[in-house]
N, C-alpha and C. Protein backbone atom coordinates (compact mmCIF):
# COMPACT_ATOMS: atom_id res chain seq x y z
N UNK A 1 -43.37 -36.54 -85.70
CA UNK A 1 -42.20 -36.19 -84.91
C UNK A 1 -41.46 -37.47 -84.50
N UNK A 2 -40.15 -37.38 -84.54
CA UNK A 2 -39.32 -38.53 -84.20
C UNK A 2 -39.38 -38.80 -82.71
N UNK A 3 -39.59 -40.06 -82.37
CA UNK A 3 -39.69 -40.46 -80.98
C UNK A 3 -38.29 -40.78 -80.46
N UNK A 4 -37.95 -40.25 -79.30
CA UNK A 4 -36.65 -40.47 -78.68
C UNK A 4 -36.79 -41.54 -77.60
N UNK A 5 -35.92 -42.53 -77.64
CA UNK A 5 -35.93 -43.61 -76.66
C UNK A 5 -34.70 -43.53 -75.78
N UNK A 6 -34.88 -43.75 -74.51
CA UNK A 6 -33.75 -43.81 -73.59
C UNK A 6 -33.04 -45.15 -73.77
N UNK A 7 -31.80 -45.25 -73.32
CA UNK A 7 -31.11 -46.55 -73.39
C UNK A 7 -31.89 -47.65 -72.69
N UNK A 8 -32.53 -47.33 -71.59
CA UNK A 8 -33.31 -48.32 -70.85
C UNK A 8 -34.49 -48.81 -71.70
N UNK A 9 -35.15 -47.89 -72.39
CA UNK A 9 -36.28 -48.27 -73.24
C UNK A 9 -35.82 -49.12 -74.42
N UNK A 10 -34.68 -48.75 -75.00
CA UNK A 10 -34.13 -49.53 -76.11
C UNK A 10 -33.81 -50.95 -75.66
N UNK A 11 -33.21 -51.06 -74.49
CA UNK A 11 -32.87 -52.39 -73.96
C UNK A 11 -34.13 -53.20 -73.71
N UNK A 12 -35.17 -52.55 -73.21
CA UNK A 12 -36.42 -53.25 -72.93
C UNK A 12 -37.05 -53.79 -74.21
N UNK A 13 -37.08 -52.96 -75.25
CA UNK A 13 -37.65 -53.38 -76.53
C UNK A 13 -36.81 -54.51 -77.12
N UNK A 14 -35.48 -54.35 -77.07
CA UNK A 14 -34.59 -55.38 -77.62
C UNK A 14 -34.75 -56.69 -76.86
N UNK A 15 -34.91 -56.61 -75.55
CA UNK A 15 -35.08 -57.82 -74.75
C UNK A 15 -36.40 -58.52 -75.09
N UNK A 16 -37.45 -57.74 -75.30
CA UNK A 16 -38.72 -58.33 -75.72
C UNK A 16 -38.55 -59.06 -77.05
N UNK A 17 -37.78 -58.47 -77.94
CA UNK A 17 -37.54 -59.10 -79.24
C UNK A 17 -36.74 -60.39 -79.09
N UNK A 18 -35.76 -60.38 -78.20
CA UNK A 18 -34.95 -61.58 -77.96
C UNK A 18 -35.81 -62.70 -77.39
N UNK A 19 -36.70 -62.35 -76.49
CA UNK A 19 -37.58 -63.37 -75.89
C UNK A 19 -38.45 -64.04 -76.94
N UNK A 20 -38.82 -63.29 -77.98
CA UNK A 20 -39.59 -63.87 -79.07
C UNK A 20 -41.06 -64.05 -78.78
N UNK A 21 -41.57 -63.45 -77.72
CA UNK A 21 -43.00 -63.56 -77.40
C UNK A 21 -43.83 -62.84 -78.47
N UNK A 22 -43.31 -61.69 -78.92
CA UNK A 22 -43.99 -60.93 -79.97
C UNK A 22 -43.06 -60.81 -81.17
N UNK A 23 -43.64 -60.76 -82.33
CA UNK A 23 -42.88 -60.58 -83.56
C UNK A 23 -42.40 -59.12 -83.64
N UNK A 24 -41.30 -58.88 -84.34
CA UNK A 24 -40.80 -57.51 -84.47
C UNK A 24 -41.85 -56.54 -85.02
N UNK A 25 -42.68 -57.01 -85.94
CA UNK A 25 -43.72 -56.13 -86.48
C UNK A 25 -44.73 -55.73 -85.40
N UNK A 26 -45.05 -56.66 -84.51
CA UNK A 26 -45.96 -56.35 -83.41
C UNK A 26 -45.33 -55.33 -82.47
N UNK A 27 -44.06 -55.54 -82.14
CA UNK A 27 -43.36 -54.60 -81.26
C UNK A 27 -43.25 -53.23 -81.92
N UNK A 28 -42.99 -53.23 -83.23
CA UNK A 28 -42.87 -51.97 -83.96
C UNK A 28 -44.17 -51.18 -83.89
N UNK A 29 -45.28 -51.86 -84.05
CA UNK A 29 -46.57 -51.18 -83.95
C UNK A 29 -46.85 -50.68 -82.55
N UNK A 30 -46.48 -51.48 -81.58
CA UNK A 30 -46.71 -51.12 -80.18
C UNK A 30 -45.88 -49.90 -79.76
N UNK A 31 -44.62 -49.85 -80.19
CA UNK A 31 -43.73 -48.77 -79.78
C UNK A 31 -43.58 -47.67 -80.83
N UNK A 32 -44.27 -47.83 -81.96
CA UNK A 32 -44.26 -46.84 -83.04
C UNK A 32 -42.85 -46.59 -83.57
N UNK A 33 -42.14 -47.67 -83.87
CA UNK A 33 -40.83 -47.58 -84.48
C UNK A 33 -40.75 -48.61 -85.61
N UNK A 34 -39.76 -48.46 -86.45
CA UNK A 34 -39.60 -49.36 -87.59
C UNK A 34 -39.04 -50.71 -87.11
N UNK A 35 -39.52 -51.81 -87.68
CA UNK A 35 -39.03 -53.13 -87.28
C UNK A 35 -37.52 -53.29 -87.46
N UNK A 36 -36.95 -52.62 -88.45
CA UNK A 36 -35.50 -52.71 -88.65
C UNK A 36 -34.77 -52.12 -87.45
N UNK A 37 -35.31 -51.04 -86.88
CA UNK A 37 -34.68 -50.44 -85.71
C UNK A 37 -34.67 -51.42 -84.54
N UNK A 38 -35.74 -52.16 -84.39
CA UNK A 38 -35.79 -53.18 -83.34
C UNK A 38 -34.71 -54.23 -83.59
N UNK A 39 -34.53 -54.62 -84.83
CA UNK A 39 -33.49 -55.58 -85.18
C UNK A 39 -32.10 -55.06 -84.85
N UNK A 40 -31.88 -53.78 -85.09
CA UNK A 40 -30.58 -53.17 -84.78
C UNK A 40 -30.33 -53.19 -83.27
N UNK A 41 -31.35 -52.80 -82.50
CA UNK A 41 -31.20 -52.79 -81.04
C UNK A 41 -30.98 -54.21 -80.51
N UNK A 42 -31.69 -55.16 -81.08
CA UNK A 42 -31.54 -56.56 -80.66
C UNK A 42 -30.12 -57.05 -80.92
N UNK A 43 -29.61 -56.73 -82.10
CA UNK A 43 -28.25 -57.14 -82.46
C UNK A 43 -27.23 -56.53 -81.50
N UNK A 44 -27.39 -55.24 -81.20
CA UNK A 44 -26.46 -54.57 -80.27
C UNK A 44 -26.54 -55.19 -78.88
N UNK A 45 -27.74 -55.53 -78.45
CA UNK A 45 -27.92 -56.17 -77.14
C UNK A 45 -27.18 -57.50 -77.09
N UNK A 46 -27.37 -58.31 -78.11
CA UNK A 46 -26.74 -59.62 -78.14
C UNK A 46 -25.22 -59.53 -78.26
N UNK A 47 -24.73 -58.56 -79.03
CA UNK A 47 -23.29 -58.41 -79.20
C UNK A 47 -22.59 -57.90 -77.94
N UNK A 48 -23.30 -57.12 -77.13
CA UNK A 48 -22.67 -56.48 -75.98
C UNK A 48 -23.14 -57.03 -74.64
N UNK A 49 -23.92 -58.08 -74.65
CA UNK A 49 -24.45 -58.64 -73.40
C UNK A 49 -23.35 -59.12 -72.47
N UNK A 50 -22.25 -59.60 -73.02
CA UNK A 50 -21.16 -60.11 -72.18
C UNK A 50 -20.53 -59.02 -71.30
N UNK A 51 -20.65 -57.75 -71.71
CA UNK A 51 -20.07 -56.66 -70.93
C UNK A 51 -20.76 -56.47 -69.59
N UNK A 52 -21.98 -56.94 -69.48
CA UNK A 52 -22.72 -56.82 -68.22
C UNK A 52 -21.98 -57.55 -67.11
N UNK A 53 -21.35 -58.66 -67.46
CA UNK A 53 -20.71 -59.50 -66.46
C UNK A 53 -19.21 -59.26 -66.34
N UNK A 54 -18.68 -58.33 -67.11
CA UNK A 54 -17.24 -58.07 -67.04
C UNK A 54 -16.92 -57.21 -65.83
N UNK A 55 -15.71 -57.35 -65.36
CA UNK A 55 -15.24 -56.60 -64.21
C UNK A 55 -14.88 -55.18 -64.66
N UNK A 56 -15.61 -54.19 -64.18
CA UNK A 56 -15.39 -52.82 -64.61
C UNK A 56 -14.01 -52.31 -64.24
N UNK A 57 -13.50 -52.75 -63.10
CA UNK A 57 -12.16 -52.32 -62.70
C UNK A 57 -11.13 -52.84 -63.69
N UNK A 58 -11.28 -54.07 -64.10
CA UNK A 58 -10.35 -54.68 -65.05
C UNK A 58 -10.39 -53.92 -66.37
N UNK A 59 -11.60 -53.60 -66.81
CA UNK A 59 -11.76 -52.87 -68.06
C UNK A 59 -11.11 -51.49 -67.95
N UNK A 60 -11.32 -50.81 -66.82
CA UNK A 60 -10.73 -49.49 -66.61
C UNK A 60 -9.20 -49.58 -66.59
N UNK A 61 -8.67 -50.62 -65.96
CA UNK A 61 -7.22 -50.81 -65.93
C UNK A 61 -6.68 -51.04 -67.34
N UNK A 62 -7.38 -51.83 -68.13
CA UNK A 62 -6.96 -52.09 -69.51
C UNK A 62 -6.98 -50.81 -70.34
N UNK A 63 -8.03 -50.01 -70.17
CA UNK A 63 -8.12 -48.76 -70.90
C UNK A 63 -7.00 -47.82 -70.49
N UNK A 64 -6.71 -47.77 -69.20
CA UNK A 64 -5.63 -46.93 -68.70
C UNK A 64 -4.29 -47.39 -69.25
N UNK A 65 -4.06 -48.69 -69.30
CA UNK A 65 -2.81 -49.23 -69.83
C UNK A 65 -2.67 -48.92 -71.32
N UNK A 66 -3.77 -49.03 -72.06
CA UNK A 66 -3.74 -48.71 -73.49
C UNK A 66 -3.39 -47.24 -73.70
N UNK A 67 -3.98 -46.36 -72.90
CA UNK A 67 -3.68 -44.94 -72.99
C UNK A 67 -2.22 -44.68 -72.68
N UNK A 68 -1.71 -45.30 -71.62
CA UNK A 68 -0.31 -45.14 -71.24
C UNK A 68 0.61 -45.61 -72.36
N UNK A 69 0.30 -46.74 -72.95
CA UNK A 69 1.12 -47.27 -74.05
C UNK A 69 1.13 -46.31 -75.24
N UNK A 70 -0.04 -45.77 -75.58
CA UNK A 70 -0.10 -44.82 -76.70
C UNK A 70 0.71 -43.56 -76.41
N UNK A 71 0.62 -43.08 -75.17
CA UNK A 71 1.35 -41.87 -74.81
C UNK A 71 2.86 -42.11 -74.84
N UNK A 72 3.31 -43.25 -74.35
CA UNK A 72 4.74 -43.58 -74.42
C UNK A 72 5.21 -43.66 -75.86
N UNK A 73 4.37 -44.19 -76.73
CA UNK A 73 4.72 -44.29 -78.14
C UNK A 73 4.88 -42.89 -78.74
N UNK A 74 3.96 -41.99 -78.42
CA UNK A 74 4.04 -40.62 -78.93
C UNK A 74 5.30 -39.94 -78.40
N UNK A 75 5.58 -40.12 -77.11
CA UNK A 75 6.78 -39.53 -76.52
C UNK A 75 8.03 -40.06 -77.21
N UNK A 76 8.06 -41.35 -77.45
CA UNK A 76 9.20 -41.95 -78.15
C UNK A 76 9.39 -41.38 -79.54
N UNK A 77 8.30 -41.20 -80.25
CA UNK A 77 8.38 -40.62 -81.59
C UNK A 77 8.90 -39.19 -81.53
N UNK A 78 8.45 -38.44 -80.54
CA UNK A 78 8.90 -37.05 -80.38
C UNK A 78 10.39 -37.01 -80.06
N UNK A 79 10.85 -37.91 -79.22
CA UNK A 79 12.27 -37.97 -78.88
C UNK A 79 13.11 -38.23 -80.12
N UNK A 80 12.66 -39.15 -80.95
CA UNK A 80 13.39 -39.46 -82.19
C UNK A 80 13.41 -38.23 -83.10
N UNK A 81 12.28 -37.55 -83.22
CA UNK A 81 12.21 -36.35 -84.06
C UNK A 81 13.13 -35.26 -83.54
N UNK A 82 13.16 -35.06 -82.24
CA UNK A 82 14.01 -34.04 -81.63
C UNK A 82 15.48 -34.35 -81.90
N UNK A 83 15.87 -35.60 -81.70
CA UNK A 83 17.26 -36.00 -81.95
C UNK A 83 17.62 -35.80 -83.42
N UNK A 84 16.71 -36.12 -84.31
CA UNK A 84 16.96 -35.96 -85.74
C UNK A 84 17.14 -34.48 -86.08
N UNK A 85 16.29 -33.62 -85.49
CA UNK A 85 16.39 -32.18 -85.74
C UNK A 85 17.68 -31.60 -85.17
N UNK A 86 18.13 -32.11 -84.04
CA UNK A 86 19.38 -31.63 -83.44
C UNK A 86 20.57 -31.94 -84.34
N UNK A 87 20.54 -33.07 -85.04
CA UNK A 87 21.64 -33.48 -85.90
C UNK A 87 21.72 -32.64 -87.16
N UNK A 88 20.61 -32.08 -87.59
CA UNK A 88 20.60 -31.26 -88.81
C UNK A 88 21.15 -29.94 -88.50
């Protein structure tokens, strides 16, 4: 049966791999998962570690601004289409 890991467990295993105290094969045997999976989790941890220190409010504001920009673009396209249809 496939073992399901929580995000916290994945982070813990990936962190152990980053520390390098145990080899991935040792961790794989201990947690009953494939060593490649540990490598994938480790890579994701290292790629996204900077987000831990980012300002969540700033990120939320950026996401909101991106959404607003996309919506204005769609509205603009619709306005152009409506004007074009009115002329026909």
